[in-house]
N, C-alpha and C. Protein backbone atom coordinates (compact mmCIF):
# COMPACT_ATOMS: atom_id res chain seq x y z
N MET A 1 -24.12 14.70 -3.97
CA MET A 1 -23.45 15.22 -2.80
C MET A 1 -22.19 16.00 -3.21
N LEU A 2 -21.42 15.44 -4.15
CA LEU A 2 -20.23 16.16 -4.60
C LEU A 2 -20.60 17.48 -5.25
N TRP A 3 -21.70 17.48 -6.01
CA TRP A 3 -22.16 18.70 -6.67
C TRP A 3 -22.42 19.79 -5.62
N TYR A 4 -22.99 19.41 -4.48
CA TYR A 4 -23.29 20.34 -3.40
C TYR A 4 -22.01 20.81 -2.69
N LEU A 5 -21.05 19.91 -2.51
CA LEU A 5 -19.85 20.24 -1.74
C LEU A 5 -18.80 21.03 -2.52
N ARG A 6 -18.69 20.80 -3.81
CA ARG A 6 -17.62 21.42 -4.61
C ARG A 6 -17.55 22.94 -4.46
N PRO A 7 -18.66 23.67 -4.58
CA PRO A 7 -18.54 25.13 -4.47
C PRO A 7 -18.16 25.60 -3.06
N ARG A 8 -18.25 24.70 -2.09
CA ARG A 8 -17.99 25.07 -0.69
C ARG A 8 -16.62 24.60 -0.19
N ILE A 9 -15.77 24.09 -1.06
CA ILE A 9 -14.49 23.52 -0.63
C ILE A 9 -13.70 24.51 0.22
N GLN A 10 -13.56 25.74 -0.25
CA GLN A 10 -12.76 26.71 0.48
C GLN A 10 -13.34 27.02 1.85
N SER A 11 -14.64 27.24 1.94
CA SER A 11 -15.24 27.57 3.24
C SER A 11 -15.21 26.38 4.19
N ILE A 12 -15.39 25.17 3.67
CA ILE A 12 -15.31 23.97 4.51
C ILE A 12 -13.90 23.85 5.07
N CYS A 13 -12.90 24.00 4.21
CA CYS A 13 -11.51 23.87 4.66
C CYS A 13 -11.15 24.96 5.67
N LYS A 14 -11.63 26.17 5.47
CA LYS A 14 -11.32 27.24 6.43
C LYS A 14 -11.90 26.94 7.81
N ASN A 15 -13.05 26.26 7.86
CA ASN A 15 -13.60 25.85 9.14
C ASN A 15 -12.75 24.77 9.80
N LEU A 16 -12.05 23.98 9.00
CA LEU A 16 -11.21 22.90 9.52
C LEU A 16 -9.83 23.39 9.93
N TYR A 17 -9.46 24.61 9.53
CA TYR A 17 -8.15 25.21 9.83
C TYR A 17 -8.36 26.49 10.64
N PRO A 18 -8.88 26.41 11.86
CA PRO A 18 -9.29 27.62 12.59
C PRO A 18 -8.15 28.56 13.00
N THR A 19 -6.95 28.06 13.23
CA THR A 19 -5.88 28.95 13.68
C THR A 19 -5.01 29.47 12.54
N ASN A 20 -5.12 28.85 11.36
CA ASN A 20 -4.32 29.30 10.22
C ASN A 20 -5.11 29.15 8.92
N PRO A 21 -6.19 29.92 8.75
CA PRO A 21 -6.98 29.80 7.53
C PRO A 21 -6.20 30.15 6.27
N SER A 22 -5.07 30.84 6.41
CA SER A 22 -4.27 31.15 5.22
C SER A 22 -3.65 29.89 4.61
N ALA A 23 -3.62 28.79 5.36
CA ALA A 23 -3.12 27.52 4.82
C ALA A 23 -4.09 26.96 3.78
N VAL A 24 -5.31 27.47 3.78
CA VAL A 24 -6.30 27.07 2.77
C VAL A 24 -6.05 27.94 1.54
N ASN A 25 -5.24 27.40 0.66
CA ASN A 25 -4.86 28.18 -0.52
C ASN A 25 -5.40 27.54 -1.79
N ASP A 26 -5.10 28.16 -2.92
CA ASP A 26 -5.59 27.66 -4.21
C ASP A 26 -5.07 26.26 -4.53
N ILE A 27 -3.85 25.96 -4.11
CA ILE A 27 -3.29 24.63 -4.39
C ILE A 27 -4.07 23.55 -3.65
N LEU A 28 -4.34 23.77 -2.35
CA LEU A 28 -5.11 22.80 -1.57
C LEU A 28 -6.52 22.64 -2.13
N CYS A 29 -7.23 23.74 -2.32
CA CYS A 29 -8.61 23.68 -2.82
C CYS A 29 -8.66 23.11 -4.24
N GLY A 30 -7.69 23.50 -5.07
CA GLY A 30 -7.65 22.98 -6.43
C GLY A 30 -7.43 21.47 -6.47
N GLY A 31 -6.57 20.97 -5.58
CA GLY A 31 -6.33 19.53 -5.51
C GLY A 31 -7.58 18.77 -5.08
N ILE A 32 -8.28 19.31 -4.10
CA ILE A 32 -9.52 18.66 -3.65
C ILE A 32 -10.56 18.68 -4.77
N LEU A 33 -10.71 19.83 -5.43
CA LEU A 33 -11.66 19.93 -6.53
C LEU A 33 -11.29 18.96 -7.66
N ARG A 34 -10.02 18.95 -8.03
CA ARG A 34 -9.56 18.05 -9.11
C ARG A 34 -9.90 16.59 -8.77
N ASP A 35 -9.60 16.18 -7.53
CA ASP A 35 -9.88 14.80 -7.13
C ASP A 35 -11.37 14.49 -7.12
N SER A 36 -12.18 15.48 -6.76
CA SER A 36 -13.63 15.25 -6.72
C SER A 36 -14.23 15.12 -8.12
N LEU A 37 -13.53 15.67 -9.13
CA LEU A 37 -14.01 15.59 -10.51
C LEU A 37 -13.62 14.29 -11.20
N ASP A 38 -12.76 13.51 -10.58
CA ASP A 38 -12.36 12.23 -11.16
C ASP A 38 -13.59 11.34 -11.27
N PRO A 39 -13.75 10.62 -12.39
CA PRO A 39 -14.93 9.77 -12.57
C PRO A 39 -15.10 8.72 -11.47
N GLY A 40 -14.01 8.34 -10.82
CA GLY A 40 -14.10 7.33 -9.76
C GLY A 40 -14.33 7.89 -8.37
N ALA A 41 -14.42 9.23 -8.23
CA ALA A 41 -14.53 9.85 -6.91
C ALA A 41 -15.77 9.37 -6.16
N ILE A 42 -16.88 9.26 -6.84
CA ILE A 42 -18.11 8.82 -6.17
C ILE A 42 -17.96 7.39 -5.65
N ASN A 43 -17.23 6.56 -6.39
CA ASN A 43 -17.01 5.18 -5.93
C ASN A 43 -16.16 5.14 -4.66
N VAL A 44 -15.22 6.08 -4.55
CA VAL A 44 -14.41 6.16 -3.34
C VAL A 44 -15.31 6.50 -2.16
N MET A 45 -16.20 7.47 -2.36
CA MET A 45 -17.11 7.85 -1.27
C MET A 45 -18.04 6.69 -0.89
N ILE A 46 -18.56 6.01 -1.88
CA ILE A 46 -19.47 4.89 -1.62
C ILE A 46 -18.74 3.75 -0.92
N SER A 47 -17.48 3.50 -1.32
CA SER A 47 -16.74 2.38 -0.74
C SER A 47 -16.52 2.57 0.75
N GLY A 48 -16.50 3.82 1.21
CA GLY A 48 -16.34 4.07 2.64
C GLY A 48 -17.42 3.43 3.47
N SER A 49 -18.61 3.33 2.94
CA SER A 49 -19.71 2.71 3.69
C SER A 49 -19.69 1.19 3.59
N LYS A 50 -18.83 0.66 2.71
CA LYS A 50 -18.77 -0.79 2.53
C LYS A 50 -17.53 -1.41 3.17
N LEU A 51 -16.69 -0.59 3.79
CA LEU A 51 -15.49 -1.12 4.42
C LEU A 51 -15.84 -1.91 5.66
N PRO A 52 -15.02 -2.90 6.02
CA PRO A 52 -15.27 -3.60 7.27
C PRO A 52 -15.06 -2.65 8.44
N PRO A 53 -15.65 -2.96 9.58
CA PRO A 53 -15.47 -2.06 10.72
C PRO A 53 -13.99 -1.91 11.05
N PRO A 54 -13.57 -0.72 11.40
CA PRO A 54 -12.15 -0.52 11.72
C PRO A 54 -11.78 -1.24 13.01
N ARG A 55 -10.51 -1.59 13.13
CA ARG A 55 -10.03 -2.19 14.36
C ARG A 55 -10.06 -1.13 15.45
N THR A 56 -10.32 -1.56 16.65
CA THR A 56 -10.39 -0.61 17.76
C THR A 56 -8.98 -0.13 18.11
N ALA A 57 -8.93 1.00 18.78
CA ALA A 57 -7.63 1.54 19.21
C ALA A 57 -6.94 0.55 20.13
N ASN A 58 -7.71 -0.13 21.00
CA ASN A 58 -7.11 -1.14 21.87
C ASN A 58 -6.38 -2.20 21.06
N GLU A 59 -7.01 -2.67 20.01
CA GLU A 59 -6.39 -3.70 19.18
C GLU A 59 -5.14 -3.17 18.49
N LEU A 60 -5.25 -2.03 17.84
CA LEU A 60 -4.14 -1.50 17.06
C LEU A 60 -2.93 -1.15 17.91
N LEU A 61 -3.17 -0.66 19.10
CA LEU A 61 -2.08 -0.20 19.94
C LEU A 61 -1.69 -1.20 21.01
N GLY A 62 -2.22 -2.42 20.92
CA GLY A 62 -1.80 -3.48 21.83
C GLY A 62 -2.20 -3.25 23.26
N ALA A 63 -3.28 -2.51 23.49
CA ALA A 63 -3.69 -2.23 24.86
C ALA A 63 -4.54 -3.34 25.45
N GLY A 64 -5.10 -4.20 24.64
CA GLY A 64 -5.89 -5.31 25.15
C GLY A 64 -7.33 -4.92 25.40
N PHE A 65 -8.12 -5.91 25.73
CA PHE A 65 -9.54 -5.70 25.98
C PHE A 65 -9.76 -5.20 27.39
N GLY A 66 -10.45 -4.08 27.51
CA GLY A 66 -10.77 -3.54 28.83
C GLY A 66 -9.53 -3.32 29.66
N SER A 67 -8.45 -3.01 29.03
CA SER A 67 -7.18 -2.94 29.73
C SER A 67 -6.99 -1.62 30.45
N SER A 68 -6.05 -1.65 31.34
CA SER A 68 -5.59 -0.41 31.95
C SER A 68 -4.15 -0.24 31.54
N LYS A 69 -3.60 0.92 31.78
CA LYS A 69 -2.23 1.19 31.36
C LYS A 69 -1.23 0.27 32.05
N ASN A 70 -1.57 -0.21 33.23
CA ASN A 70 -0.60 -0.96 34.01
C ASN A 70 -0.56 -2.44 33.69
N ARG A 71 -1.45 -2.92 32.87
CA ARG A 71 -1.46 -4.35 32.60
C ARG A 71 -0.34 -4.69 31.63
N ALA A 72 0.60 -5.52 32.06
CA ALA A 72 1.79 -5.79 31.27
C ALA A 72 1.75 -7.16 30.58
N TYR A 73 0.58 -7.75 30.49
CA TYR A 73 0.49 -9.07 29.84
C TYR A 73 -0.71 -9.10 28.94
N LYS A 74 -0.73 -10.08 28.06
CA LYS A 74 -1.89 -10.30 27.20
C LYS A 74 -2.50 -11.63 27.59
N THR A 75 -3.80 -11.69 27.54
CA THR A 75 -4.45 -12.96 27.84
C THR A 75 -4.18 -13.94 26.72
N THR A 76 -4.41 -15.20 26.98
CA THR A 76 -4.22 -16.22 25.95
C THR A 76 -5.10 -15.91 24.75
N PHE A 77 -6.32 -15.47 24.99
CA PHE A 77 -7.24 -15.13 23.90
C PHE A 77 -6.64 -14.04 23.02
N GLU A 78 -6.14 -12.98 23.66
CA GLU A 78 -5.58 -11.87 22.90
C GLU A 78 -4.35 -12.31 22.11
N SER A 79 -3.48 -13.08 22.74
CA SER A 79 -2.27 -13.53 22.05
C SER A 79 -2.60 -14.40 20.86
N LYS A 80 -3.65 -15.21 21.01
CA LYS A 80 -4.02 -16.15 19.95
C LYS A 80 -4.77 -15.46 18.81
N TYR A 81 -5.66 -14.55 19.11
CA TYR A 81 -6.58 -14.02 18.10
C TYR A 81 -6.27 -12.60 17.63
N ILE A 82 -5.48 -11.87 18.35
CA ILE A 82 -5.22 -10.49 17.96
C ILE A 82 -3.76 -10.37 17.56
N GLU A 83 -3.53 -10.32 16.28
CA GLU A 83 -2.17 -10.18 15.77
C GLU A 83 -2.02 -8.80 15.15
N GLY A 84 -0.81 -8.39 15.01
CA GLY A 84 -0.56 -7.12 14.35
C GLY A 84 -0.74 -5.91 15.23
N THR A 85 -0.76 -6.11 16.55
CA THR A 85 -0.84 -4.95 17.42
C THR A 85 0.55 -4.36 17.58
N PHE A 86 0.61 -3.12 17.95
CA PHE A 86 1.87 -2.42 18.10
C PHE A 86 2.00 -1.99 19.54
N ASP A 87 3.08 -2.37 20.19
CA ASP A 87 3.24 -1.99 21.59
C ASP A 87 4.43 -1.06 21.82
N GLY A 88 4.96 -0.48 20.74
CA GLY A 88 6.05 0.47 20.85
C GLY A 88 5.54 1.87 21.17
N PRO A 89 6.44 2.83 21.19
CA PRO A 89 6.03 4.21 21.49
C PRO A 89 5.17 4.80 20.38
N VAL A 90 4.19 5.60 20.79
CA VAL A 90 3.25 6.21 19.85
C VAL A 90 3.09 7.69 20.20
N LEU A 91 3.10 8.53 19.19
CA LEU A 91 2.82 9.95 19.37
C LEU A 91 1.47 10.25 18.73
N VAL A 92 0.59 10.89 19.50
CA VAL A 92 -0.68 11.37 18.97
C VAL A 92 -0.61 12.90 19.02
N ALA A 93 -0.30 13.51 17.89
CA ALA A 93 -0.26 14.97 17.79
C ALA A 93 -1.65 15.40 17.33
N GLN A 94 -2.51 15.70 18.28
CA GLN A 94 -3.93 15.90 18.03
C GLN A 94 -4.27 17.38 17.95
N GLY A 95 -4.93 17.76 16.85
CA GLY A 95 -5.46 19.13 16.73
C GLY A 95 -6.65 19.27 17.67
N PHE A 96 -6.49 20.04 18.73
CA PHE A 96 -7.54 20.15 19.74
C PHE A 96 -8.72 21.01 19.32
N LEU A 97 -8.62 21.69 18.20
CA LEU A 97 -9.72 22.53 17.73
C LEU A 97 -10.47 21.88 16.57
N ASP A 98 -10.30 20.58 16.39
CA ASP A 98 -10.94 19.85 15.30
C ASP A 98 -12.45 19.91 15.46
N PRO A 99 -13.15 20.53 14.50
CA PRO A 99 -14.61 20.64 14.62
C PRO A 99 -15.35 19.37 14.22
N LEU A 100 -14.65 18.36 13.70
CA LEU A 100 -15.32 17.15 13.23
C LEU A 100 -15.45 16.06 14.29
N ASN A 101 -14.72 16.17 15.39
CA ASN A 101 -14.84 15.16 16.43
C ASN A 101 -14.48 15.74 17.78
N ASP A 102 -14.67 14.95 18.80
CA ASP A 102 -14.32 15.34 20.16
C ASP A 102 -12.82 15.12 20.34
N ALA A 103 -12.03 16.06 19.87
CA ALA A 103 -10.58 15.90 19.85
C ALA A 103 -10.00 15.72 21.25
N LYS A 104 -10.47 16.47 22.21
CA LYS A 104 -9.93 16.35 23.58
C LYS A 104 -10.29 14.99 24.17
N GLY A 105 -11.51 14.56 23.96
CA GLY A 105 -11.92 13.24 24.47
C GLY A 105 -11.15 12.12 23.81
N ARG A 106 -10.93 12.23 22.52
CA ARG A 106 -10.17 11.21 21.78
C ARG A 106 -8.72 11.17 22.28
N ALA A 107 -8.12 12.33 22.48
CA ALA A 107 -6.75 12.38 22.96
C ALA A 107 -6.64 11.75 24.35
N GLU A 108 -7.58 12.05 25.23
CA GLU A 108 -7.58 11.45 26.57
C GLU A 108 -7.70 9.93 26.47
N MET A 109 -8.58 9.46 25.60
CA MET A 109 -8.77 8.02 25.43
C MET A 109 -7.47 7.35 24.99
N PHE A 110 -6.78 7.94 24.00
CA PHE A 110 -5.53 7.36 23.54
C PHE A 110 -4.49 7.36 24.65
N GLY A 111 -4.41 8.46 25.40
CA GLY A 111 -3.43 8.57 26.48
C GLY A 111 -3.64 7.56 27.59
N GLU A 112 -4.86 7.09 27.76
CA GLU A 112 -5.17 6.13 28.83
C GLU A 112 -5.10 4.68 28.38
N LEU A 113 -4.88 4.43 27.10
CA LEU A 113 -4.88 3.04 26.62
C LEU A 113 -3.77 2.20 27.22
N ARG A 114 -2.56 2.74 27.19
CA ARG A 114 -1.41 1.99 27.72
C ARG A 114 -0.22 2.92 27.86
N ASP A 115 0.81 2.44 28.54
CA ASP A 115 2.05 3.21 28.63
C ASP A 115 2.67 3.30 27.25
N GLY A 116 3.44 4.33 27.03
CA GLY A 116 4.15 4.48 25.77
C GLY A 116 3.41 5.30 24.74
N ILE A 117 2.22 5.80 25.08
CA ILE A 117 1.47 6.65 24.16
C ILE A 117 1.54 8.08 24.70
N LYS A 118 2.13 8.96 23.91
CA LYS A 118 2.22 10.36 24.30
C LYS A 118 1.24 11.17 23.47
N VAL A 119 0.42 11.93 24.15
CA VAL A 119 -0.53 12.81 23.47
C VAL A 119 0.01 14.23 23.54
N ASP A 120 0.15 14.86 22.40
CA ASP A 120 0.62 16.24 22.33
C ASP A 120 -0.50 17.09 21.73
N PRO A 121 -1.15 17.90 22.57
CA PRO A 121 -2.22 18.75 22.04
C PRO A 121 -1.65 19.87 21.18
N ILE A 122 -2.18 19.99 19.99
CA ILE A 122 -1.76 21.03 19.05
C ILE A 122 -2.93 22.01 18.91
N ASN A 123 -2.65 23.29 18.99
CA ASN A 123 -3.69 24.31 18.89
C ASN A 123 -4.05 24.52 17.42
N ALA A 124 -4.70 23.48 16.85
CA ALA A 124 -5.04 23.50 15.43
C ALA A 124 -6.33 22.70 15.23
N GLY A 125 -6.78 22.65 14.00
CA GLY A 125 -8.01 21.96 13.68
C GLY A 125 -7.81 20.54 13.18
N HIS A 126 -8.58 20.16 12.17
CA HIS A 126 -8.66 18.78 11.69
C HIS A 126 -7.37 18.29 11.03
N CYS A 127 -6.62 19.15 10.39
CA CYS A 127 -5.39 18.77 9.69
C CYS A 127 -4.22 19.57 10.25
N PRO A 128 -3.80 19.28 11.48
CA PRO A 128 -2.76 20.11 12.10
C PRO A 128 -1.44 20.09 11.32
N HIS A 129 -1.17 19.01 10.60
CA HIS A 129 0.06 18.93 9.81
C HIS A 129 0.05 19.93 8.66
N ASP A 130 -1.11 20.30 8.15
CA ASP A 130 -1.21 21.33 7.11
C ASP A 130 -1.32 22.72 7.73
N GLU A 131 -2.08 22.80 8.80
CA GLU A 131 -2.36 24.10 9.40
C GLU A 131 -1.15 24.68 10.13
N LEU A 132 -0.48 23.84 10.91
CA LEU A 132 0.69 24.30 11.67
C LEU A 132 1.84 23.29 11.53
N PRO A 133 2.40 23.19 10.33
CA PRO A 133 3.44 22.17 10.10
C PRO A 133 4.65 22.32 11.01
N THR A 134 5.01 23.54 11.38
CA THR A 134 6.16 23.75 12.26
C THR A 134 5.90 23.16 13.64
N ASP A 135 4.67 23.33 14.15
CA ASP A 135 4.32 22.78 15.46
C ASP A 135 4.35 21.26 15.42
N ILE A 136 3.87 20.67 14.33
CA ILE A 136 3.89 19.21 14.21
C ILE A 136 5.33 18.72 14.13
N ALA A 137 6.17 19.39 13.35
CA ALA A 137 7.58 19.00 13.24
C ALA A 137 8.27 19.08 14.60
N LYS A 138 7.98 20.12 15.36
CA LYS A 138 8.56 20.27 16.70
C LYS A 138 8.08 19.14 17.61
N SER A 139 6.79 18.82 17.54
CA SER A 139 6.24 17.75 18.35
C SER A 139 6.92 16.41 18.05
N ILE A 140 7.08 16.12 16.77
CA ILE A 140 7.72 14.86 16.35
C ILE A 140 9.18 14.84 16.78
N SER A 141 9.87 15.95 16.57
CA SER A 141 11.29 16.02 16.93
C SER A 141 11.49 15.83 18.43
N THR A 142 10.69 16.50 19.24
CA THR A 142 10.78 16.37 20.69
C THR A 142 10.48 14.95 21.12
N TRP A 143 9.44 14.36 20.54
CA TRP A 143 9.06 12.99 20.87
C TRP A 143 10.17 12.01 20.52
N LEU A 144 10.75 12.15 19.32
CA LEU A 144 11.84 11.26 18.91
C LEU A 144 13.06 11.42 19.82
N THR A 145 13.37 12.66 20.17
CA THR A 145 14.54 12.93 21.00
C THR A 145 14.36 12.44 22.43
N ASN A 146 13.19 12.66 22.99
CA ASN A 146 12.97 12.34 24.40
C ASN A 146 12.36 10.96 24.63
N ASP A 147 11.17 10.74 24.10
CA ASP A 147 10.41 9.53 24.41
C ASP A 147 10.95 8.29 23.70
N VAL A 148 11.17 8.36 22.42
CA VAL A 148 11.62 7.18 21.67
C VAL A 148 13.04 6.83 22.07
N LYS A 149 13.90 7.84 22.22
CA LYS A 149 15.28 7.59 22.61
C LYS A 149 15.33 6.93 23.99
N ALA A 150 14.51 7.42 24.93
CA ALA A 150 14.47 6.85 26.28
C ALA A 150 13.98 5.41 26.24
N THR A 151 12.98 5.12 25.39
CA THR A 151 12.44 3.78 25.28
C THR A 151 13.47 2.82 24.69
N SER A 152 14.20 3.26 23.68
CA SER A 152 15.16 2.39 23.01
C SER A 152 16.39 2.13 23.86
N SER A 153 16.68 2.98 24.83
CA SER A 153 17.86 2.77 25.68
C SER A 153 17.57 1.83 26.84
N LYS A 154 16.33 1.45 27.02
CA LYS A 154 15.98 0.55 28.13
C LYS A 154 16.32 -0.87 27.81
């Protein structure tokens, strides 16, 4: 599989960066190629299929099972068995042009999980932080200034 993908690194990346294909440069492609040539690269790919199932967004973001945004409590079951959830403010700076998943649907899902989650649609693809770093920086700065500051003053 790596043998097939290596010659296509640049074209694959350009498809993932639809609004700024110039961000796909020799440094990015060279780094990906270098990492794919590492003797352990195939083991990294194989290990992905052996990982335990990921925790659901509800679990990670403290939204609870079948919850709505307005539910302000956790059931005894959730409190006892689900640890490590985060109920603070969250920013989802989502590249809405991501060709690898339903970016708009995913963003809507995150926005509906619970209060305190802000979804900021970015007009970029799969790696908006690489494709439009200035837009991501602005999104984070605005979120920190407005949403996090407002939450911490309560």
